[in-house]
Amino acid sequence: MTTQPHGAKADPIEVDWSWTASDDDWVPPEIDTSKPSTARMYDYALGGKDNYAIDRQAVDKIAELLPDLKPVALANRGFMIRAVEALSRMGIDQFLDLGSGIPTSPNVHEVAGVHRATTKVVYVDNDPIVMTYNRALREPRPGVLALNHDMRAPATIFEDPALRAHLDLERPIGLLLVAVLHFVQRETALEVVEQYRRLLPPGSYLAISAICSDGMEPALVQRLESVYQTSSSPLIVRTTAEAEQLFEGTRLIEPGLVDATQWRNNETPLPIRILSGVGQVL
């Protein structure tokens, strides 16, 4: 396959809901449509269809102040694609995608599979609609596992028997925290990332992207935080120094910690700054 340019609209994911009629163990999830979901908002921003009116309204509120919101989501997605490509070329064939969101093509297993067909990927999310869509995907996905966990509980994830059977915890892993830590409180995020560093095998990598306030208009930061305050996960906007703290205990690979539009890429930076980087765990 060839990966689409990250400025292009996401391809639709084909799903098959027929299993719901025959699976006696499946209980329809309770989907809260009274407040926006960050996963569904991100899906809408990427051009997806798995969202509700309240999610679209929240995104449109931001777009009133920032017409370039959707390009920001696509730029962040582009960083993920390039980071997975870079790690795959460096020999990483195991990935753990935390806060994976509603499946969007190209996803981690598709990008990594271009370089190595035997790549193993684990997607982790605790949003019920995300897990329902993961289960309903029609395309065969060898080497792919989706788990329902809160990414703020690293030990629980790594102790999951399904994960331990799927990944080789003696070999390097590419751990992805893409567009998720800005929904985690500052001190909690630092502790969570530190725990993952301790749990990862030697030679592993962390790929992180997070919204940064430096270089953004204060009014825009306030508006973003106010819109997300009503969502399922309030927004935490970090300074550059706070973003750098997330990479403590790692060695950043080129080009370091930069705007998502600039990470092994050369596009015009957008009003919302997404700092992105990949670090090797020391």
Foldseek 3Di string as FASTA:
>chain_A
DDADQLQDAWDAFDFAPVVVVVDPPDDQDDADPVFAAPLQLLCVLSVHDPGDPRSVVLNVLLCVVPVCSSVLSSLLVNLVLVVLLVVLVVPAQEEEEEQLGADTPPDSLNSSCVSPVQRAYEYEEQRSVNVVNVVGGPDDDPRYHYDHDHLLDVVVVVPPPVVVVSDPQQDAYEYEAGAPCQLPDLVSLLVSLVVVLVSHHAFYKYKYKAWECVQADPVSVVSQQVSQVRHPGGGHHHHPVSVVSSQPQWAWDPPAWAFSCPGVHDDDDGNTGMTITMTHHD
